[in-house]
């Protein structure tokens, strides 16, 4: 089961319904709140959107770093 499926399963078990759910990956414990806010704003600005992903350009010096995807 992938993380999105686990998130959906947990959401279905909650009594309260939500219009928006943000799935933070376990390997991103230090994600900056501003990044989360940006994802939320992107979804709110595009009501037909199903998901949004935070991304940034890869720096040339990080090209061969296996920890950068």
Protein backbone atom coordinates (compact mmCIF):
# COMPACT_ATOMS: atom_id res chain seq x y z
CA UNK A 1 0.00 0.00 0.00
CA UNK A 2 1.43 3.37 -0.95
CA UNK A 3 1.35 6.40 1.34
CA UNK A 4 -1.52 8.02 -0.56
CA UNK A 5 -3.66 4.94 -0.04
CA UNK A 6 -2.81 4.88 3.69
CA UNK A 7 -3.69 8.55 3.95
CA UNK A 8 -7.02 7.95 2.23
CA UNK A 9 -7.77 4.97 4.46
CA UNK A 10 -7.14 7.06 7.58
CA UNK A 11 -9.27 9.89 6.20
CA UNK A 12 -12.19 7.52 5.57
CA UNK A 13 -12.10 6.46 9.24
CA UNK A 14 -12.50 10.01 10.51
CA UNK A 15 -15.99 11.22 11.35
CA UNK A 16 -15.33 14.74 10.13
CA UNK A 17 -15.03 15.29 6.39
CA UNK A 18 -12.31 17.50 4.94
CA UNK A 19 -12.12 19.43 1.68
CA UNK A 20 -8.34 19.30 1.61
CA UNK A 21 -5.76 16.87 2.94
CA UNK A 22 -2.00 17.46 2.95
CA UNK A 23 0.11 14.30 2.97
CA UNK A 24 3.56 14.97 4.46
CA UNK A 25 6.04 12.19 3.75
CA UNK A 26 7.89 10.65 6.68
CA UNK A 27 11.23 11.35 5.03
CA UNK A 28 10.50 15.09 5.13
CA UNK A 29 10.24 15.76 8.89
CA UNK A 30 11.83 19.20 8.59
CA UNK A 31 9.65 20.50 5.75
CA UNK A 32 9.15 24.23 6.08
CA UNK A 33 5.58 25.34 6.90
CA UNK A 34 5.74 27.84 4.02
CA UNK A 35 6.08 24.95 1.56
CA UNK A 36 2.95 23.31 2.97
CA UNK A 37 1.13 26.65 2.78
CA UNK A 38 2.18 26.97 -0.87
CA UNK A 39 0.75 23.56 -1.72
CA UNK A 40 -2.52 24.42 0.03
CA UNK A 41 -2.76 27.77 -1.78
CA UNK A 42 -2.12 26.08 -5.12
CA UNK A 43 -4.98 23.66 -4.49
CA UNK A 44 -7.31 26.41 -3.31
CA UNK A 45 -6.52 28.48 -6.42
CA UNK A 46 -7.40 25.57 -8.73
CA UNK A 47 -10.63 24.02 -7.44
CA UNK A 48 -10.60 21.33 -10.15
CA UNK A 49 -7.11 20.15 -9.12
CA UNK A 50 -6.87 16.73 -7.54
CA UNK A 51 -3.35 17.08 -6.13
CA UNK A 52 -0.40 19.43 -5.94
CA UNK A 53 3.27 18.66 -5.41
CA UNK A 54 5.93 20.95 -4.02
CA UNK A 55 9.03 20.95 -6.21
CA UNK A 56 12.18 22.93 -6.77
CA UNK A 57 14.83 23.01 -9.46
CA UNK A 58 17.78 20.69 -9.01
CA UNK A 59 21.04 22.56 -8.64
CA UNK A 60 23.76 21.49 -11.09
CA UNK A 61 26.12 20.60 -8.25
CA UNK A 62 23.50 18.21 -6.83
CA UNK A 63 23.00 16.38 -10.13
CA UNK A 64 24.93 13.26 -9.09
CA UNK A 65 23.82 13.23 -5.44
CA UNK A 66 21.66 10.09 -4.93
CA UNK A 67 19.92 11.86 -2.03
CA UNK A 68 18.50 14.51 -4.38
CA UNK A 69 15.57 13.48 -6.54
